Amino acid sequence: MLLLVGLGNPGPKHERNRHNIGFMAVDRIADRYGFGAFRTRFQGLIADGRIDGQQVRLLKPMTFMNESGQSVGEAARFFKLDPEDVVVLHDELDLVAGKLKIKQGGGHAGHNGLRSIDSHLGKGYRRIRLGIGHPGAKHKVSKHVLSDFGAADRDWVDPFLDAIADAAPFIAKDDDAGFASRVALILNPPEKKPAPEAGRTKSEAAKPGQQSG
């Protein structure tokens, strides 16, 4: 079983905050794969379902970001999961908006949600870092993460979340490289080569400067 955790802050005030992109990703996955309704449990909201035949539980801690580990740790202990069975999706300032990276273990890099999870679960869980961009100055960080995505963000946020949901089967089967590649391919599909002009062979079309006959 996989516990897939999205990080964020509860309540309508925070619903569209950049800090809540983990919640948004989990919600998109729940919708895509027909998960059951979220219910209150483990100091959070949890939903059951399957992705590509694998049993998955989605968790959104309702403890506020800084205490996320209370909810994650409680759920992991109840289901007798190792840290390796837990995947956490969270916002990442140091990644360009709409980019992601995956790693297992390591430090929390100042992210308070990860800091809390480390203290309750250990550091062996997998982290999917969802880029939200950096405001450019340290004193602007708090306002940046706790403010809503703006109109200019709509062009990348929804396609990004859709790509994450589409590629979720790779997460379920522990194929992190496949997941990252699939998301990148969806967001940046290869350009299609133009078809040869009618009445010309492929070799002729490949030599536009050559005159016939």
Protein backbone atom coordinates (compact mmCIF):
# COMPACT_ATOMS: atom_id res chain seq x y z
CA MET A 1 0.00 0.00 0.00
CA LEU A 2 1.11 3.53 -0.78
CA LEU A 3 0.32 6.58 1.34
CA LEU A 4 0.33 9.61 -0.95
CA VAL A 5 0.38 12.84 1.05
CA GLY A 6 -0.28 16.35 -0.20
CA LEU A 7 0.84 19.24 1.99
CA GLY A 8 -1.04 22.49 2.53
CA ASN A 9 -3.04 24.53 5.03
CA PRO A 10 -6.74 23.88 5.76
CA GLY A 11 -9.63 26.25 5.15
CA PRO A 12 -11.02 28.36 2.28
CA LYS A 13 -8.57 31.19 3.02
CA HIS A 14 -5.64 29.02 1.93
CA GLU A 15 -7.33 26.97 -0.77
CA ARG A 16 -5.55 28.61 -3.75
CA ASN A 17 -2.31 29.54 -1.97
CA ARG A 18 0.95 28.53 -3.61
CA HIS A 19 1.77 26.70 -0.36
CA ASN A 20 -1.22 24.42 -1.05
CA ILE A 21 -0.12 22.99 -4.37
CA GLY A 22 0.36 19.61 -2.63
CA PHE A 23 -3.33 19.59 -1.67
CA MET A 24 -4.25 20.57 -5.22
CA ALA A 25 -2.20 17.73 -6.72
CA VAL A 26 -3.78 15.13 -4.43
CA ASP A 27 -7.27 16.43 -5.23
CA ARG A 28 -6.55 16.17 -8.96
CA ILE A 29 -5.36 12.59 -8.53
CA ALA A 30 -8.48 11.71 -6.51
CA ASP A 31 -10.70 13.09 -9.27
CA ARG A 32 -8.78 11.40 -12.08
CA TYR A 33 -8.90 7.89 -10.58
CA GLY A 34 -12.32 7.98 -8.93
CA PHE A 35 -11.22 7.77 -5.31
CA GLY A 36 -13.86 7.62 -2.61
CA ALA A 37 -14.86 10.75 -0.72
CA PHE A 38 -12.34 12.22 1.68
CA ARG A 39 -13.22 11.52 5.31
CA THR A 40 -11.83 12.88 8.56
CA ARG A 41 -9.18 10.66 10.11
CA PHE A 42 -5.60 10.86 11.42
CA GLN A 43 -5.93 14.61 12.03
CA GLY A 44 -6.49 14.98 8.30
CA LEU A 45 -8.64 14.03 5.35
CA ILE A 46 -8.08 10.60 3.80
CA ALA A 47 -9.47 8.88 0.70
CA ASP A 48 -9.08 5.29 -0.55
CA GLY A 49 -8.67 4.11 -4.10
CA ARG A 50 -6.53 2.35 -6.66
CA ILE A 51 -4.11 3.61 -9.27
CA ASP A 52 -3.12 1.16 -11.99
CA GLY A 53 -4.27 -1.70 -9.75
CA GLN A 54 -2.23 -0.55 -6.75
CA GLN A 55 -3.92 0.28 -3.43
CA VAL A 56 -3.34 3.95 -2.59
CA ARG A 57 -4.52 6.15 0.24
CA LEU A 58 -4.48 9.91 -0.22
CA LEU A 59 -3.92 12.09 2.83
CA LYS A 60 -4.27 15.85 3.36
CA PRO A 61 -3.12 16.80 6.88
CA MET A 62 -5.48 19.32 8.52
CA THR A 63 -2.98 20.30 11.23
CA PHE A 64 -1.62 23.31 9.31
CA MET A 65 1.64 22.95 7.44
CA ASN A 66 4.01 23.24 10.39
CA GLU A 67 2.50 20.21 12.16
CA SER A 68 1.95 17.98 9.09
CA GLY A 69 4.03 15.21 10.64
CA GLN A 70 1.45 14.58 13.36
CA SER A 71 -1.08 13.47 10.76
CA VAL A 72 1.38 11.61 8.51
CA GLY A 73 3.02 9.80 11.41
CA GLU A 74 -0.32 8.72 12.87
CA ALA A 75 -1.52 7.32 9.54
CA ALA A 76 1.77 5.55 8.83
CA ARG A 77 1.77 3.89 12.26
CA PHE A 78 -1.85 2.77 11.94
CA PHE A 79 -1.27 1.16 8.53
CA LYS A 80 2.15 -0.20 9.64
CA LEU A 81 3.94 1.54 6.79
CA ASP A 82 7.66 2.10 6.45
CA PRO A 83 8.85 5.57 5.43
CA GLU A 84 9.58 4.15 1.96
CA ASP A 85 5.82 3.53 1.54
CA VAL A 86 5.06 7.24 1.94
CA VAL A 87 5.24 9.83 -0.85
CA VAL A 88 4.85 13.53 -0.05
CA LEU A 89 3.94 16.20 -2.63
CA HIS A 90 4.89 19.71 -1.55
CA ASP A 91 5.66 23.19 -2.84
CA GLU A 92 9.26 24.05 -3.68
CA LEU A 93 10.53 27.64 -3.84
CA ASP A 94 13.86 26.74 -5.39
CA LEU A 95 12.34 25.18 -8.51
CA VAL A 96 11.03 27.10 -11.50
CA ALA A 97 7.23 27.23 -11.53
CA GLY A 98 5.82 24.16 -13.22
CA LYS A 99 8.92 21.99 -12.79
CA LEU A 100 9.32 19.06 -10.41
CA LYS A 101 12.01 16.90 -8.88
CA ILE A 102 11.81 13.68 -6.89
CA LYS A 103 14.15 12.39 -4.22
CA GLN A 104 14.13 9.95 -1.36
CA GLY A 105 15.40 11.02 2.03
CA GLY A 106 17.64 14.00 2.59
CA GLY A 107 17.12 17.26 4.44
CA HIS A 108 14.02 19.39 4.67
CA ALA A 109 15.73 22.49 3.17
CA GLY A 110 13.83 24.77 5.54
CA HIS A 111 10.38 23.50 4.55
CA ASN A 112 8.40 23.39 7.81
CA GLY A 113 6.03 20.68 6.62
CA LEU A 114 8.92 18.36 5.79
CA ARG A 115 10.67 19.29 9.04
CA SER A 116 7.60 18.11 10.95
CA ILE A 117 7.30 14.88 8.95
CA ASP A 118 10.99 14.14 9.54
CA SER A 119 10.43 14.37 13.28
CA HIS A 120 7.44 11.99 13.27
CA LEU A 121 8.35 9.56 10.47
CA GLY A 122 12.07 9.78 9.80
CA LYS A 123 13.73 10.82 6.54
CA GLY A 124 13.32 7.78 4.31
CA TYR A 125 10.11 8.85 2.58
CA ARG A 126 9.94 10.04 -1.03
CA ARG A 127 9.40 13.72 -1.77
CA ILE A 128 7.93 15.16 -4.96
CA ARG A 129 9.00 18.79 -5.06
CA LEU A 130 6.55 20.95 -7.04
CA GLY A 131 8.11 24.18 -8.26
CA ILE A 132 6.27 27.41 -7.46
CA GLY A 133 9.15 29.78 -8.20
CA HIS A 134 10.99 32.15 -5.89
CA PRO A 135 9.92 35.79 -5.38
CA GLY A 136 13.54 36.89 -5.64
CA ALA A 137 14.16 38.16 -2.11
CA LYS A 138 14.07 36.33 1.22
CA HIS A 139 11.79 38.86 2.90
CA LYS A 140 9.15 38.24 0.21
CA VAL A 141 9.01 34.47 0.67
CA SER A 142 6.28 34.29 3.33
CA LYS A 143 3.91 36.53 1.39
CA HIS A 144 4.68 34.65 -1.82
CA VAL A 145 3.85 31.17 -0.53
CA LEU A 146 0.76 32.30 1.40
CA SER A 147 -0.74 34.27 -1.48
CA ASP A 148 -2.98 32.82 -4.17
CA PHE A 149 -1.82 31.81 -7.61
CA GLY A 150 -2.47 34.78 -9.86
CA ALA A 151 -4.11 35.05 -13.26
CA ALA A 152 -0.73 34.71 -14.96
CA ASP A 153 -0.20 31.35 -13.23
CA ARG A 154 -3.29 29.73 -14.71
CA ASP A 155 -1.48 28.88 -17.95
CA TRP A 156 0.88 26.51 -16.15
CA VAL A 157 -0.83 25.42 -12.90
CA ASP A 158 -3.72 23.41 -14.37
CA PRO A 159 -1.63 21.66 -17.07
CA PHE A 160 0.98 20.88 -14.40
CA LEU A 161 -1.59 19.31 -12.06
CA ASP A 162 -3.17 17.38 -14.94
CA ALA A 163 0.23 16.00 -15.95
CA ILE A 164 0.94 14.90 -12.37
CA ALA A 165 -2.39 13.08 -12.23
CA ASP A 166 -1.83 11.47 -15.63
CA ALA A 167 1.60 10.21 -14.57
CA ALA A 168 0.49 8.99 -11.12
CA PRO A 169 0.61 5.27 -12.09
CA PHE A 170 4.39 5.57 -12.21
CA ILE A 171 4.38 6.76 -8.59
CA ALA A 172 2.20 3.81 -7.60
CA LYS A 173 4.73 1.34 -9.03
CA ASP A 174 7.77 3.14 -7.53
CA ASP A 175 9.08 4.31 -10.89
CA ASP A 176 10.18 7.83 -10.00
CA ALA A 177 12.21 8.33 -13.17
CA GLY A 178 9.26 7.21 -15.28
CA PHE A 179 6.98 9.61 -13.43
CA ALA A 180 9.27 12.59 -13.97
CA SER A 181 9.79 11.70 -17.64
CA ARG A 182 6.07 11.29 -18.26
CA VAL A 183 5.24 14.67 -16.70
CA ALA A 184 7.97 16.36 -18.75
CA LEU A 185 6.75 14.71 -21.96
CA ILE A 186 3.15 15.78 -21.36
CA LEU A 187 4.14 19.37 -20.69
CA ASN A 188 6.71 19.53 -23.49
CA PRO A 189 5.63 17.16 -26.26
CA PRO A 190 8.06 16.69 -29.16
CA GLU A 191 7.39 18.87 -32.17
CA LYS A 192 5.74 17.08 -35.07
CA LYS A 193 7.70 17.13 -38.31
CA PRO A 194 5.74 18.69 -41.19
CA ALA A 195 4.36 16.23 -43.69
CA PRO A 196 5.95 16.23 -47.20
CA GLU A 197 4.19 18.44 -49.74
CA ALA A 198 1.65 16.69 -51.93
CA GLY A 199 3.14 15.32 -55.15
CA ARG A 200 6.71 15.25 -53.86
CA THR A 201 8.69 12.32 -52.56
CA LYS A 202 10.24 12.39 -49.08
CA SER A 203 13.69 12.84 -50.60
CA GLU A 204 12.51 15.76 -52.70
CA ALA A 205 10.75 17.38 -49.77
CA ALA A 206 13.94 17.10 -47.75
CA LYS A 207 15.81 19.20 -50.38
CA PRO A 208 13.79 22.41 -50.73
CA GLY A 209 16.53 24.16 -52.71
CA GLN A 210 16.68 21.48 -55.45
CA GLN A 211 14.73 22.20 -58.64
CA SER A 212 13.05 19.44 -60.57
CA GLY A 213 13.49 18.49 -64.20
